Amino acid sequence: MSSLLRLHNSTVPSIARGVIRAAPVLTSRTRPNDVGGPLHVSKATYSIHGNIEGMSDPNWTSMIGRHFLTLRDYNDHEVKQLLWTAADLKTRILTNREVYQPLVNKSAGLIFEKRSTRTRISSETGFSLLGGNACFLSKDDIHLGVNESLYDTANVLPQFLNIVLARVYKHSDLDILAETGSIPIVNGLSEIYHPLQSLADFQTLQEHYGSLSGMTVAWVGDGNNIIHSLMMAAPKLGVHLKIATPKGYEVDQQVMKDTQELAKKHGTEIYTTNDPKDACSKANVLVTGTYWITLGQEEELKHRIKAFEGFQLTMTHAALADKDWCFLHCLPRRQEEVDDELFYCDRSLVWQEANNRKWTVMAVFLSLLRDHKVTTPAPKF
């Protein structure tokens, strides 16, 4: 498995109401990794972050200047705030056709070392829809550790941009960008996390069921960046998790330890197994992802084909789930992960899920750059 990031809480002190902003103070360190290679650790401490003036919810917090590298750094109120912001933007812009452009004169750099469909399109069109200018930079367009040190690039980017979204091979590169530069960094996917996908998943489930607390999500697949991000958010939303992975492809032990602590704190349950049917039993949501060819791991394909025998989701698994079950997939999808009958059935929410990638990344961009005041009622969580 890829080297994994040790997860930590960030401290966000509560203060009296009023718009108070401060840049984050960041530190990092490394420790040996059991599976080889250095394990990069980042911990963000936000010295001052107050509630937004005029908001009736006392938990509504200013996120200006923060990074979005992992949902581990966001508490339950903040995760719900991002989801509420996404729902607010979707209602106002998509449903009500409101022209809402709070990011006029703001510029975003979109750095992609890996190919992308949903993340690139959602972030580029979403930032533009909010009035800003999005600049796409592939690995062939920018000196990201090639001909120029990553440290120097991190210092150059703030001279032109207000925020950066980066999809990278190494999460440690995100850490360097965050620690060195002076603008918010958004994780567009790394080998460890994909937090934007998890926000879209939970927005989709909230829309579908009307609430999240008490539901059970079953993950069938690799212990990869998708499930790691789901694990960082689910307990905070009152969601139980059942995780089925083949032997040797389990989630990272430290991620599991942190999730167990979150589950204990928020009163949820987490269950692991090597049997997909066991995980799917009585679950409300069946989830799988692109585990056969996780981006950057194509060389492992031959080994994975054998290890993942029996892990293709079908209607047989759905028959074991709760009567109100639905299906999610991050995309792109392969037949080995889920068959056509399940993927294209009327219980599959994959297209709604893909659409919500746009509203959630817009919510993240907006929240890190400006204090947003919602005008729509709070979703039930």
Protein backbone atom coordinates (compact mmCIF):
# COMPACT_ATOMS: atom_id res chain seq x y z
CA MET A 1 0.00 0.00 0.00
CA SER A 2 1.05 3.63 -0.45
CA SER A 3 2.67 5.56 2.37
CA LEU A 4 0.02 7.13 4.53
CA LEU A 5 -0.36 10.34 6.44
CA ARG A 6 -0.68 10.39 10.20
CA LEU A 7 -3.86 12.26 11.03
CA HIS A 8 -4.20 14.88 13.68
CA ASN A 9 -6.79 17.24 15.03
CA SER A 10 -6.35 20.91 14.36
CA THR A 11 -7.17 23.31 17.11
CA VAL A 12 -9.73 26.00 16.32
CA PRO A 13 -10.39 28.09 19.42
CA SER A 14 -13.86 29.53 19.90
CA ILE A 15 -14.06 33.29 20.41
CA ALA A 16 -16.70 35.91 20.69
CA ARG A 17 -18.74 36.80 17.65
CA GLY A 18 -17.21 39.04 15.06
CA VAL A 19 -15.31 38.61 11.84
CA ILE A 20 -11.77 37.82 12.95
CA ARG A 21 -9.31 36.24 10.59
CA ALA A 22 -5.83 34.89 10.93
CA ALA A 23 -3.56 32.86 8.72
CA PRO A 24 -2.89 29.31 9.91
CA VAL A 25 0.33 28.43 11.69
CA LEU A 26 1.65 25.19 10.25
CA THR A 27 4.21 22.65 11.37
CA SER A 28 5.32 19.29 10.00
CA ARG A 29 7.46 16.31 10.84
CA THR A 30 8.20 12.85 9.52
CA ARG A 31 8.38 9.39 11.01
CA PRO A 32 9.19 5.92 9.62
CA ASN A 33 6.44 4.18 7.70
CA ASP A 34 5.79 0.49 8.32
CA VAL A 35 5.27 -0.14 4.62
CA GLY A 36 8.32 1.77 3.43
CA GLY A 37 9.21 5.38 2.76
CA PRO A 38 8.85 8.49 4.90
CA LEU A 39 5.46 9.25 6.37
CA HIS A 40 4.76 12.96 6.09
CA VAL A 41 2.78 14.53 8.89
CA SER A 42 1.06 17.88 8.82
CA LYS A 43 -0.73 19.61 11.64
CA ALA A 44 -2.53 22.90 11.17
CA THR A 45 -3.19 25.09 14.18
CA TYR A 46 -5.50 28.00 13.50
CA SER A 47 -4.65 30.72 15.96
CA ILE A 48 -7.88 32.72 15.62
CA HIS A 49 -11.14 31.80 13.93
CA GLY A 50 -14.39 33.40 15.04
CA ASN A 51 -18.02 33.08 14.18
CA ILE A 52 -19.33 34.95 11.18
CA GLU A 53 -21.04 38.20 12.05
CA GLY A 54 -24.78 38.12 11.40
CA MET A 55 -25.15 34.33 11.35
CA SER A 56 -27.82 32.95 13.67
CA ASP A 57 -26.02 29.62 14.12
CA PRO A 58 -23.41 30.08 16.90
CA ASN A 59 -21.39 27.19 15.44
CA TRP A 60 -21.04 28.88 12.04
CA THR A 61 -17.30 29.51 11.81
CA SER A 62 -15.11 31.54 9.51
CA MET A 63 -12.81 29.24 7.51
CA ILE A 64 -10.97 31.98 5.64
CA GLY A 65 -7.31 31.13 5.09
CA ARG A 66 -7.54 27.46 6.07
CA HIS A 67 -6.32 24.53 4.02
CA PHE A 68 -8.53 21.64 2.94
CA LEU A 69 -6.19 18.65 2.92
CA THR A 70 -8.24 16.17 4.92
CA LEU A 71 -11.62 16.16 6.66
CA ARG A 72 -9.74 15.10 9.79
CA ASP A 73 -8.95 18.80 10.25
CA TYR A 74 -12.64 19.78 10.31
CA ASN A 75 -14.94 19.16 13.26
CA ASP A 76 -18.55 18.01 13.00
CA HIS A 77 -19.98 21.54 12.89
CA GLU A 78 -17.56 22.56 10.16
CA VAL A 79 -18.29 19.50 7.99
CA LYS A 80 -22.01 20.24 8.28
CA GLN A 81 -21.32 23.90 7.51
CA LEU A 82 -19.58 22.94 4.27
CA LEU A 83 -22.49 20.67 3.32
CA TRP A 84 -25.01 23.39 4.14
CA THR A 85 -23.02 25.85 2.03
CA ALA A 86 -23.01 23.38 -0.87
CA ALA A 87 -26.79 22.88 -0.56
CA ASP A 88 -27.29 26.65 -0.39
CA LEU A 89 -25.26 27.24 -3.56
CA LYS A 90 -27.05 24.45 -5.40
CA THR A 91 -30.47 25.83 -4.51
CA ARG A 92 -29.65 29.43 -5.27
CA ILE A 93 -27.70 28.92 -8.49
CA LEU A 94 -29.12 25.72 -10.00
CA THR A 95 -32.73 25.77 -8.80
CA ASN A 96 -33.43 29.50 -8.40
CA ARG A 97 -31.13 30.59 -11.26
CA GLU A 98 -29.60 33.27 -9.07
CA VAL A 99 -26.47 34.99 -10.34
CA TYR A 100 -24.18 34.82 -7.33
CA GLN A 101 -20.55 35.80 -7.89
CA PRO A 102 -18.79 36.48 -4.58
CA LEU A 103 -15.37 35.51 -5.98
CA VAL A 104 -15.04 38.25 -8.61
CA ASN A 105 -11.37 39.24 -8.96
CA LYS A 106 -10.25 36.02 -7.28
CA SER A 107 -7.96 33.55 -9.09
CA ALA A 108 -7.51 29.82 -8.54
CA GLY A 109 -4.69 27.62 -9.73
CA LEU A 110 -5.78 24.08 -10.57
CA ILE A 111 -2.72 21.81 -10.58
CA PHE A 112 -3.22 18.28 -11.93
CA GLU A 113 -0.39 15.75 -11.95
CA LYS A 114 -2.99 13.05 -12.69
CA ARG A 115 -5.75 12.92 -15.28
CA SER A 116 -9.20 13.94 -14.10
CA THR A 117 -12.76 14.33 -15.35
CA ARG A 118 -15.02 15.24 -12.43
CA THR A 119 -12.50 17.08 -10.25
CA ARG A 120 -11.18 19.21 -13.07
CA ILE A 121 -14.54 20.09 -14.62
CA SER A 122 -16.28 20.72 -11.29
CA SER A 123 -13.50 22.92 -9.91
CA GLU A 124 -12.90 24.87 -13.12
CA THR A 125 -16.55 25.56 -13.93
CA GLY A 126 -17.50 25.96 -10.27
CA PHE A 127 -14.89 28.63 -9.52
CA SER A 128 -15.86 30.49 -12.68
CA LEU A 129 -19.55 30.27 -11.79
CA LEU A 130 -18.75 32.06 -8.52
CA GLY A 131 -17.20 34.89 -10.53
CA GLY A 132 -13.54 33.91 -10.25
CA ASN A 133 -10.89 32.98 -12.77
CA ALA A 134 -9.62 29.39 -12.79
CA CYS A 135 -6.23 28.58 -14.34
CA PHE A 136 -5.60 24.92 -15.24
CA LEU A 137 -2.02 23.70 -14.91
CA SER A 138 -1.02 20.18 -15.91
CA LYS A 139 2.27 18.56 -14.93
CA ASP A 140 3.64 19.78 -18.28
CA ASP A 141 2.64 23.40 -17.57
CA ILE A 142 4.25 23.99 -14.21
CA HIS A 143 7.57 23.37 -12.45
CA LEU A 144 6.19 21.24 -9.63
CA GLY A 145 9.47 19.95 -8.24
CA VAL A 146 10.97 19.76 -11.74
CA ASN A 147 13.54 22.45 -12.69
CA GLU A 148 12.28 24.41 -9.69
CA SER A 149 11.99 23.24 -6.11
CA LEU A 150 8.52 22.71 -4.70
CA TYR A 151 9.45 25.19 -1.99
CA ASP A 152 10.12 27.90 -4.56
CA THR A 153 6.93 27.10 -6.48
CA ALA A 154 4.95 27.35 -3.24
CA ASN A 155 6.32 30.86 -2.71
CA VAL A 156 5.64 31.91 -6.31
CA LEU A 157 2.00 30.78 -6.52
CA PRO A 158 0.65 33.33 -3.99
CA GLN A 159 2.08 36.13 -6.12
CA PHE A 160 -0.61 35.38 -8.72
CA LEU A 161 -3.32 33.28 -7.08
CA ASN A 162 -5.72 33.40 -4.15
CA ILE A 163 -6.14 29.64 -3.78
CA VAL A 164 -4.72 26.40 -5.22
CA LEU A 165 -6.37 23.04 -5.79
CA ALA A 166 -3.84 20.28 -6.46
CA ARG A 167 -4.24 16.64 -7.51
CA VAL A 168 -0.93 14.99 -6.74
CA TYR A 169 0.83 11.65 -6.52
CA LYS A 170 2.37 12.42 -3.12
CA HIS A 171 0.39 13.89 -0.26
CA SER A 172 3.66 15.26 1.09
CA ASP A 173 3.68 17.72 -1.83
CA LEU A 174 0.40 19.17 -0.54
CA ASP A 175 2.00 19.52 2.89
CA ILE A 176 4.89 21.51 1.42
CA LEU A 177 2.56 23.78 -0.54
CA ALA A 178 0.47 24.36 2.59
CA GLU A 179 3.39 24.91 4.94
CA THR A 180 5.41 27.14 2.65
CA GLY A 181 2.89 29.29 0.82
CA SER A 182 0.46 31.87 2.16
CA ILE A 183 -2.77 30.86 0.39
CA PRO A 184 -5.26 28.04 1.00
CA ILE A 185 -4.42 24.65 -0.53
CA VAL A 186 -7.23 22.25 -1.49
CA ASN A 187 -6.61 18.54 -1.90
CA GLY A 188 -7.99 17.50 -5.29
CA LEU A 189 -6.86 13.90 -4.61
CA SER A 190 -3.72 12.34 -3.22
CA GLU A 191 -2.71 8.75 -2.61
CA ILE A 192 -4.06 9.12 0.93
CA TYR A 193 -7.22 11.21 0.76
CA HIS A 194 -9.96 12.41 -1.55
CA PRO A 195 -11.98 14.66 0.79
CA LEU A 196 -13.90 16.44 -1.99
CA GLN A 197 -15.40 13.12 -3.05
CA SER A 198 -16.60 12.38 0.48
CA LEU A 199 -18.36 15.74 0.75
CA ALA A 200 -20.20 15.02 -2.51
CA ASP A 201 -21.14 11.55 -1.26
CA PHE A 202 -22.69 12.88 1.92
CA GLN A 203 -24.48 15.71 0.13
CA THR A 204 -26.00 13.10 -2.19
CA LEU A 205 -27.09 10.88 0.69
CA GLN A 206 -28.58 13.81 2.60
CA GLU A 207 -30.60 14.82 -0.45
CA HIS A 208 -31.76 11.26 -1.04
CA TYR A 209 -32.71 10.27 2.51
CA GLY A 210 -33.46 13.67 4.04
CA SER A 211 -30.96 13.09 6.87
CA LEU A 212 -27.74 11.24 7.60
CA SER A 213 -27.60 10.38 11.29
CA GLY A 214 -28.14 6.70 12.03
CA MET A 215 -27.59 5.34 8.53
CA THR A 216 -25.08 2.58 7.74
CA VAL A 217 -22.66 2.86 4.82
CA ALA A 218 -20.99 -0.31 3.53
CA TRP A 219 -17.70 0.06 1.68
CA VAL A 220 -16.55 -2.84 -0.52
CA GLY A 221 -13.11 -2.46 -2.07
CA ASP A 222 -9.59 -1.30 -1.40
CA GLY A 223 -8.48 0.46 1.78
CA ASN A 224 -7.77 3.55 -0.29
CA ASN A 225 -8.09 7.34 -0.30
CA ILE A 226 -11.89 7.21 -0.81
CA ILE A 227 -12.67 5.13 2.26
CA HIS A 228 -10.07 7.01 4.31
CA SER A 229 -11.92 10.25 3.62
CA LEU A 230 -15.31 8.68 4.33
CA MET A 231 -13.88 7.48 7.65
CA MET A 232 -12.81 11.00 8.58
CA ALA A 233 -16.32 12.40 8.06
CA ALA A 234 -18.85 9.64 8.76
CA PRO A 235 -18.68 9.58 12.57
CA LYS A 236 -19.07 13.37 12.68
CA LEU A 237 -22.33 13.02 10.75
CA GLY A 238 -23.65 10.16 12.87
CA VAL A 239 -23.03 7.58 10.14
CA HIS A 240 -22.04 3.97 10.90
CA LEU A 241 -19.44 2.26 8.68
CA LYS A 242 -19.00 -1.36 7.58
CA ILE A 243 -15.80 -1.91 5.62
CA ALA A 244 -14.97 -4.99 3.53
CA THR A 245 -11.48 -5.25 2.05
CA PRO A 246 -9.42 -8.23 0.84
CA LYS A 247 -6.69 -9.44 3.14
CA GLY A 248 -3.63 -7.31 2.61
CA TYR A 249 -5.66 -4.35 1.33
CA GLU A 250 -7.11 -3.12 4.63
CA VAL A 251 -7.33 0.54 5.57
CA ASP A 252 -4.32 2.08 7.25
CA GLN A 253 -4.04 1.19 10.94
CA GLN A 254 -3.55 4.78 12.08
CA VAL A 255 -6.55 5.92 10.04
CA MET A 256 -8.55 3.15 11.68
CA LYS A 257 -7.36 4.15 15.14
CA ASP A 258 -8.35 7.76 14.56
CA THR A 259 -11.73 6.70 13.18
CA GLN A 260 -12.39 4.52 16.20
CA GLU A 261 -11.72 7.52 18.42
CA LEU A 262 -14.11 9.63 16.36
CA ALA A 263 -16.74 6.89 16.47
CA LYS A 264 -16.47 6.68 20.25
CA LYS A 265 -16.77 10.45 20.56
CA HIS A 266 -19.81 10.70 18.27
CA GLY A 267 -21.53 7.45 19.26
CA THR A 268 -21.24 5.61 15.95
CA GLU A 269 -19.99 2.14 15.04
CA ILE A 270 -17.28 0.94 12.68
CA TYR A 271 -17.03 -2.68 11.57
CA THR A 272 -14.40 -4.36 9.38
CA THR A 273 -14.46 -7.67 7.52
CA ASN A 274 -12.94 -9.47 4.54
CA ASP A 275 -16.38 -10.62 3.37
CA PRO A 276 -18.31 -8.22 1.06
CA LYS A 277 -21.66 -9.90 1.81
CA ASP A 278 -21.07 -9.46 5.52
CA ALA A 279 -20.49 -5.73 5.04
CA CYS A 280 -23.54 -5.28 2.80
CA SER A 281 -25.91 -7.03 5.19
CA LYS A 282 -28.58 -4.54 6.40
CA ALA A 283 -26.60 -1.56 5.08
CA ASN A 284 -28.44 1.51 3.76
CA VAL A 285 -25.73 2.48 1.29
CA LEU A 286 -23.45 0.30 -0.84
CA VAL A 287 -20.28 2.04 -1.94
CA THR A 288 -17.33 0.98 -4.01
CA GLY A 289 -14.75 2.86 -6.02
CA THR A 290 -11.94 2.69 -8.52
CA TYR A 291 -9.88 0.25 -6.52
CA TRP A 292 -8.71 -1.95 -9.38
CA ILE A 293 -6.60 0.79 -10.86
CA THR A 294 -6.33 3.38 -8.12
CA LEU A 295 -4.66 6.31 -9.85
CA GLY A 296 -0.90 5.84 -9.72
CA GLN A 297 -1.08 2.10 -8.96
CA GLU A 298 -1.61 0.62 -12.44
CA GLU A 299 1.38 -1.73 -12.03
CA GLU A 300 -0.47 -3.58 -9.27
CA LEU A 301 -3.35 -4.57 -11.56
CA LYS A 302 -2.33 -8.21 -12.03
CA HIS A 303 -2.05 -8.79 -8.29
CA ARG A 304 -5.31 -7.00 -7.60
CA ILE A 305 -7.32 -9.11 -10.03
CA LYS A 306 -6.57 -12.19 -7.96
CA ALA A 307 -6.89 -10.51 -4.56
CA PHE A 308 -10.29 -8.96 -5.36
CA GLU A 309 -12.04 -12.08 -6.59
CA GLY A 310 -15.58 -12.02 -5.21
CA PHE A 311 -15.53 -8.28 -4.57
CA GLN A 312 -17.60 -7.23 -7.59
CA LEU A 313 -20.84 -5.71 -6.27
CA THR A 314 -24.02 -7.18 -7.78
CA MET A 315 -27.72 -7.41 -7.03
CA THR A 316 -26.87 -10.40 -4.85
CA HIS A 317 -25.19 -8.00 -2.44
CA ALA A 318 -28.02 -5.50 -2.76
CA ALA A 319 -30.52 -8.19 -1.75
CA LEU A 320 -28.73 -8.40 1.61
CA ALA A 321 -28.94 -4.65 2.24
CA ASP A 322 -31.70 -2.70 3.94
CA LYS A 323 -34.92 -2.30 1.96
CA ASP A 324 -34.18 1.38 1.26
CA TRP A 325 -30.64 0.75 -0.04
CA CYS A 326 -28.89 2.90 -2.64
CA PHE A 327 -25.57 2.67 -4.47
CA LEU A 328 -22.66 5.11 -4.86
CA HIS A 329 -19.48 5.04 -6.94
CA CYS A 330 -16.86 7.81 -7.23
CA LEU A 331 -16.16 7.03 -10.93
CA PRO A 332 -14.53 6.12 -13.24
CA ARG A 333 -16.00 2.64 -12.97
CA ARG A 334 -14.87 -0.79 -14.15
CA GLN A 335 -16.90 -3.96 -14.54
CA GLU A 336 -14.71 -5.70 -11.96
CA GLU A 337 -15.98 -3.30 -9.29
CA VAL A 338 -19.72 -3.41 -9.99
CA ASP A 339 -21.79 -5.07 -12.72
CA ASP A 340 -24.07 -3.22 -15.16
CA GLU A 341 -27.30 -4.33 -13.52
CA LEU A 342 -26.46 -2.66 -10.21
CA PHE A 343 -24.55 0.31 -11.62
CA TYR A 344 -27.38 1.38 -13.94
CA CYS A 345 -30.34 0.46 -11.74
CA ASP A 346 -32.79 3.03 -10.36
CA ARG A 347 -31.20 2.73 -6.90
CA SER A 348 -27.86 3.97 -8.26
CA LEU A 349 -27.17 7.63 -7.43
CA VAL A 350 -23.89 7.92 -9.32
CA TRP A 351 -24.95 10.77 -11.63
CA GLN A 352 -26.41 12.85 -8.79
CA GLU A 353 -23.24 12.08 -6.86
CA ALA A 354 -21.09 13.31 -9.77
CA ASN A 355 -23.16 16.49 -10.05
CA ASN A 356 -22.63 17.24 -6.37
CA ARG A 357 -18.87 17.26 -6.91
CA LYS A 358 -19.45 20.74 -8.32
CA TRP A 359 -21.44 22.21 -5.43
CA THR A 360 -19.17 20.80 -2.76
CA VAL A 361 -15.93 22.04 -4.32
CA MET A 362 -17.61 25.43 -4.79
CA ALA A 363 -18.51 25.39 -1.10
CA VAL A 364 -14.88 24.68 -0.19
CA PHE A 365 -13.47 27.41 -2.46
CA LEU A 366 -15.96 29.96 -1.17
CA SER A 367 -15.55 29.08 2.50
CA LEU A 368 -11.75 29.37 2.37
CA LEU A 369 -11.85 32.74 0.61
CA ARG A 370 -14.90 34.57 1.92
CA ASP A 371 -17.42 34.46 4.74
CA HIS A 372 -20.59 33.15 3.12
CA LYS A 373 -24.04 33.75 4.58
CA VAL A 374 -26.56 31.10 3.61
CA THR A 375 -30.09 32.07 2.65
CA THR A 376 -31.66 28.61 2.54
CA PRO A 377 -32.81 26.51 5.53
CA ALA A 378 -30.30 24.15 7.10
CA PRO A 379 -30.41 20.56 5.81
CA LYS A 380 -31.26 17.94 8.40
CA PHE A 381 -28.20 15.95 9.34
